[in-house]
Amino acid sequence: MDSEPGTLSITFSQYRDWLSNPVHDLASAIEEASKQSQIRPLERRKDAWSIACMTRGAIQRRLLGHSDNLAAVDSESLLGFMWASLAV
């Protein structure tokens, strides 16, 4: 997983492998919620990956010190954006 000693980096392929099960579960939840008309019809796998990437980006931003907000504020903002895109 490390490209060289002292640094942590992963390839895109490793990233996809690492997140494949959670994204699959999220895609299934999106499909079920869509069938029950709780959210609008979506491209479940594409949108599950989009949510995973946005979440990763928010975490990375915090870890790199690019956010002065409390974690709860960043989480609320991200969840609000996601919900607005999913809502019926």
N, C-alpha and C. Protein backbone atom coordinates (compact mmCIF):
# COMPACT_ATOMS: atom_id res chain seq x y z
N MET A 1 0.81 -1.19 0.00
CA MET A 1 0.00 0.00 0.00
C MET A 1 0.86 1.26 0.00
N ASP A 2 2.00 1.23 0.68
CA ASP A 2 2.90 2.38 0.68
C ASP A 2 3.75 2.37 -0.58
N SER A 3 3.88 3.53 -1.19
CA SER A 3 4.69 3.59 -2.39
C SER A 3 6.18 3.67 -2.05
N GLU A 4 6.51 4.27 -0.92
CA GLU A 4 7.89 4.33 -0.46
C GLU A 4 7.87 4.51 1.05
N PRO A 5 8.95 4.15 1.73
CA PRO A 5 8.96 4.25 3.19
C PRO A 5 8.65 5.67 3.66
N GLY A 6 7.83 5.77 4.68
CA GLY A 6 7.51 7.07 5.26
C GLY A 6 6.33 7.78 4.62
N THR A 7 5.79 7.25 3.54
CA THR A 7 4.63 7.89 2.92
C THR A 7 3.52 6.87 2.78
N LEU A 8 2.33 7.36 2.87
CA LEU A 8 1.17 6.50 2.71
C LEU A 8 0.44 6.95 1.45
N SER A 9 0.36 6.06 0.50
CA SER A 9 -0.39 6.37 -0.71
C SER A 9 -0.96 5.07 -1.25
N ILE A 10 -2.07 5.20 -1.92
CA ILE A 10 -2.69 4.03 -2.53
C ILE A 10 -2.99 4.34 -3.98
N THR A 11 -3.03 3.31 -4.76
CA THR A 11 -3.37 3.48 -6.17
C THR A 11 -4.90 3.54 -6.30
N PHE A 12 -5.38 3.98 -7.43
CA PHE A 12 -6.81 4.02 -7.67
C PHE A 12 -7.41 2.62 -7.59
N SER A 13 -6.67 1.64 -8.11
CA SER A 13 -7.13 0.25 -8.06
C SER A 13 -7.27 -0.24 -6.62
N GLN A 14 -6.30 0.08 -5.77
CA GLN A 14 -6.38 -0.29 -4.36
C GLN A 14 -7.55 0.42 -3.68
N TYR A 15 -7.75 1.68 -4.02
CA TYR A 15 -8.86 2.47 -3.48
C TYR A 15 -10.20 1.82 -3.84
N ARG A 16 -10.36 1.45 -5.10
CA ARG A 16 -11.60 0.80 -5.54
C ARG A 16 -11.81 -0.54 -4.84
N ASP A 17 -10.74 -1.32 -4.72
CA ASP A 17 -10.85 -2.61 -4.04
C ASP A 17 -11.25 -2.43 -2.58
N TRP A 18 -10.64 -1.47 -1.93
CA TRP A 18 -10.87 -1.23 -0.50
C TRP A 18 -12.32 -0.80 -0.24
N LEU A 19 -12.88 -0.02 -1.16
CA LEU A 19 -14.23 0.49 -0.97
C LEU A 19 -15.32 -0.31 -1.68
N SER A 20 -14.96 -1.35 -2.40
CA SER A 20 -15.96 -2.05 -3.21
C SER A 20 -17.12 -2.61 -2.39
N ASN A 21 -16.87 -3.22 -1.25
CA ASN A 21 -17.97 -3.77 -0.44
C ASN A 21 -18.86 -2.68 0.15
N PRO A 22 -18.30 -1.63 0.79
CA PRO A 22 -19.19 -0.57 1.30
C PRO A 22 -19.98 0.12 0.19
N VAL A 23 -19.35 0.33 -0.97
CA VAL A 23 -20.06 0.98 -2.08
C VAL A 23 -21.16 0.06 -2.60
N HIS A 24 -20.90 -1.23 -2.66
CA HIS A 24 -21.93 -2.18 -3.08
C HIS A 24 -23.13 -2.12 -2.11
N ASP A 25 -22.84 -2.08 -0.81
CA ASP A 25 -23.92 -1.99 0.19
C ASP A 25 -24.70 -0.69 0.04
N LEU A 26 -23.98 0.41 -0.19
CA LEU A 26 -24.64 1.70 -0.38
C LEU A 26 -25.49 1.69 -1.65
N ALA A 27 -24.97 1.10 -2.71
CA ALA A 27 -25.73 1.00 -3.97
C ALA A 27 -27.02 0.20 -3.76
N SER A 28 -26.94 -0.87 -2.98
CA SER A 28 -28.13 -1.67 -2.67
C SER A 28 -29.14 -0.85 -1.87
N ALA A 29 -28.65 -0.07 -0.91
CA ALA A 29 -29.55 0.78 -0.11
C ALA A 29 -30.19 1.85 -0.97
N ILE A 30 -29.43 2.42 -1.90
CA ILE A 30 -29.98 3.43 -2.83
C ILE A 30 -31.07 2.80 -3.69
N GLU A 31 -30.80 1.61 -4.21
CA GLU A 31 -31.79 0.92 -5.04
C GLU A 31 -33.07 0.64 -4.25
N GLU A 32 -32.93 0.16 -3.03
CA GLU A 32 -34.11 -0.15 -2.21
C GLU A 32 -34.90 1.12 -1.87
N ALA A 33 -34.21 2.18 -1.50
CA ALA A 33 -34.89 3.44 -1.18
C ALA A 33 -35.58 4.00 -2.41
N SER A 34 -34.97 3.84 -3.57
CA SER A 34 -35.58 4.31 -4.82
C SER A 34 -36.84 3.52 -5.14
N LYS A 35 -36.78 2.19 -4.95
CA LYS A 35 -37.96 1.35 -5.19
C LYS A 35 -39.12 1.72 -4.29
N GLN A 36 -38.80 2.17 -3.07
CA GLN A 36 -39.84 2.54 -2.11
C GLN A 36 -40.22 4.02 -2.24
N SER A 37 -39.71 4.68 -3.27
CA SER A 37 -39.98 6.10 -3.54
C SER A 37 -39.54 7.02 -2.40
N GLN A 38 -38.53 6.60 -1.64
CA GLN A 38 -37.99 7.44 -0.59
C GLN A 38 -37.00 8.45 -1.14
N ILE A 39 -36.40 8.09 -2.28
CA ILE A 39 -35.50 8.99 -3.00
C ILE A 39 -35.83 8.87 -4.48
N ARG A 40 -35.33 9.81 -5.26
CA ARG A 40 -35.61 9.76 -6.70
C ARG A 40 -34.82 8.64 -7.36
N PRO A 41 -35.25 8.16 -8.51
CA PRO A 41 -34.51 7.11 -9.21
C PRO A 41 -33.10 7.59 -9.58
N LEU A 42 -32.12 6.75 -9.33
CA LEU A 42 -30.72 7.13 -9.54
C LEU A 42 -29.96 6.02 -10.25
N GLU A 43 -28.79 6.36 -10.73
CA GLU A 43 -27.85 5.35 -11.22
C GLU A 43 -27.09 4.87 -9.99
N ARG A 44 -27.58 3.82 -9.37
CA ARG A 44 -27.16 3.46 -8.02
C ARG A 44 -25.66 3.27 -7.84
N ARG A 45 -24.98 2.55 -8.74
CA ARG A 45 -23.54 2.34 -8.56
C ARG A 45 -22.75 3.63 -8.76
N LYS A 46 -23.10 4.37 -9.79
CA LYS A 46 -22.42 5.64 -10.06
C LYS A 46 -22.60 6.59 -8.89
N ASP A 47 -23.81 6.69 -8.40
CA ASP A 47 -24.09 7.62 -7.30
C ASP A 47 -23.48 7.15 -5.98
N ALA A 48 -23.43 5.84 -5.76
CA ALA A 48 -22.78 5.32 -4.56
C ALA A 48 -21.28 5.65 -4.59
N TRP A 49 -20.65 5.51 -5.75
CA TRP A 49 -19.24 5.88 -5.86
C TRP A 49 -19.05 7.38 -5.67
N SER A 50 -19.97 8.18 -6.18
CA SER A 50 -19.88 9.64 -6.00
C SER A 50 -19.94 10.00 -4.52
N ILE A 51 -20.85 9.37 -3.79
CA ILE A 51 -20.96 9.62 -2.35
C ILE A 51 -19.68 9.19 -1.64
N ALA A 52 -19.13 8.04 -2.00
CA ALA A 52 -17.88 7.57 -1.39
C ALA A 52 -16.73 8.55 -1.66
N CYS A 53 -16.65 9.04 -2.87
CA CYS A 53 -15.57 9.98 -3.23
C CYS A 53 -15.74 11.32 -2.52
N MET A 54 -16.96 11.82 -2.41
CA MET A 54 -17.19 13.07 -1.68
C MET A 54 -16.82 12.91 -0.21
N THR A 55 -17.19 11.77 0.37
CA THR A 55 -16.88 11.51 1.77
C THR A 55 -15.38 11.43 1.97
N ARG A 56 -14.69 10.71 1.08
CA ARG A 56 -13.23 10.62 1.16
C ARG A 56 -12.60 12.01 1.06
N GLY A 57 -13.10 12.82 0.16
CA GLY A 57 -12.57 14.17 -0.01
C GLY A 57 -12.75 15.02 1.24
N ALA A 58 -13.91 14.91 1.87
CA ALA A 58 -14.16 15.67 3.10
C ALA A 58 -13.22 15.22 4.22
N ILE A 59 -13.01 13.92 4.32
CA ILE A 59 -12.09 13.40 5.34
C ILE A 59 -10.66 13.85 5.05
N GLN A 60 -10.26 13.75 3.80
CA GLN A 60 -8.91 14.16 3.42
C GLN A 60 -8.69 15.64 3.72
N ARG A 61 -9.68 16.45 3.42
CA ARG A 61 -9.61 17.89 3.68
C ARG A 61 -9.35 18.16 5.16
N ARG A 62 -10.08 17.44 6.00
CA ARG A 62 -9.93 17.61 7.45
C ARG A 62 -8.54 17.15 7.91
N LEU A 63 -8.11 15.98 7.42
CA LEU A 63 -6.82 15.44 7.84
C LEU A 63 -5.65 16.32 7.41
N LEU A 64 -5.80 16.99 6.27
CA LEU A 64 -4.74 17.87 5.78
C LEU A 64 -4.80 19.27 6.40
N GLY A 65 -5.81 19.49 7.25
CA GLY A 65 -5.92 20.77 7.95
C GLY A 65 -6.53 21.88 7.12
N HIS A 66 -7.28 21.53 6.08
CA HIS A 66 -7.87 22.55 5.21
C HIS A 66 -9.28 22.95 5.64
N SER A 67 -9.68 22.58 6.84
CA SER A 67 -11.00 22.94 7.33
C SER A 67 -10.87 23.44 8.76
N ASP A 68 -11.41 24.63 8.99
CA ASP A 68 -11.42 25.20 10.34
C ASP A 68 -12.72 24.88 11.06
N ASN A 69 -13.66 24.24 10.36
CA ASN A 69 -14.96 23.91 10.94
C ASN A 69 -14.84 22.74 11.92
N LEU A 70 -15.81 22.65 12.81
CA LEU A 70 -15.94 21.46 13.63
C LEU A 70 -16.33 20.30 12.71
N ALA A 71 -15.97 19.09 13.10
CA ALA A 71 -16.31 17.91 12.29
C ALA A 71 -17.81 17.82 12.07
N ALA A 72 -18.59 18.17 13.08
CA ALA A 72 -20.06 18.11 12.96
C ALA A 72 -20.56 19.06 11.88
N VAL A 73 -19.95 20.22 11.75
CA VAL A 73 -20.36 21.20 10.74
C VAL A 73 -20.04 20.67 9.34
N ASP A 74 -18.83 20.13 9.17
CA ASP A 74 -18.46 19.55 7.87
C ASP A 74 -19.37 18.38 7.51
N SER A 75 -19.66 17.52 8.50
CA SER A 75 -20.53 16.37 8.26
C SER A 75 -21.93 16.82 7.87
N GLU A 76 -22.46 17.80 8.59
CA GLU A 76 -23.81 18.29 8.30
C GLU A 76 -23.88 18.89 6.90
N SER A 77 -22.85 19.62 6.51
CA SER A 77 -22.81 20.21 5.18
C SER A 77 -22.78 19.13 4.10
N LEU A 78 -21.94 18.13 4.28
CA LEU A 78 -21.83 17.03 3.31
C LEU A 78 -23.13 16.25 3.23
N LEU A 79 -23.71 15.90 4.37
CA LEU A 79 -24.95 15.15 4.38
C LEU A 79 -26.10 15.96 3.77
N GLY A 80 -26.13 17.26 4.05
CA GLY A 80 -27.16 18.12 3.45
C GLY A 80 -27.06 18.15 1.94
N PHE A 81 -25.83 18.24 1.44
CA PHE A 81 -25.63 18.24 -0.01
C PHE A 81 -26.05 16.92 -0.62
N MET A 82 -25.66 15.83 0.02
CA MET A 82 -26.03 14.50 -0.50
C MET A 82 -27.55 14.31 -0.48
N TRP A 83 -28.18 14.66 0.63
CA TRP A 83 -29.62 14.47 0.73
C TRP A 83 -30.36 15.32 -0.31
N ALA A 84 -29.90 16.55 -0.52
CA ALA A 84 -30.54 17.41 -1.53
C ALA A 84 -30.47 16.78 -2.91
N SER A 85 -29.39 16.07 -3.20
CA SER A 85 -29.25 15.44 -4.52
C SER A 85 -30.05 14.15 -4.63
N LEU A 86 -30.40 13.53 -3.48
CA LEU A 86 -31.15 12.28 -3.50
C LEU A 86 -32.66 12.45 -3.35
N ALA A 87 -33.05 13.57 -2.75
CA ALA A 87 -34.46 13.77 -2.40
C ALA A 87 -35.38 13.72 -3.61
N VAL A 88 -36.59 13.26 -3.35
CA VAL A 88 -37.61 13.15 -4.39
C VAL A 88 -38.02 14.53 -4.86
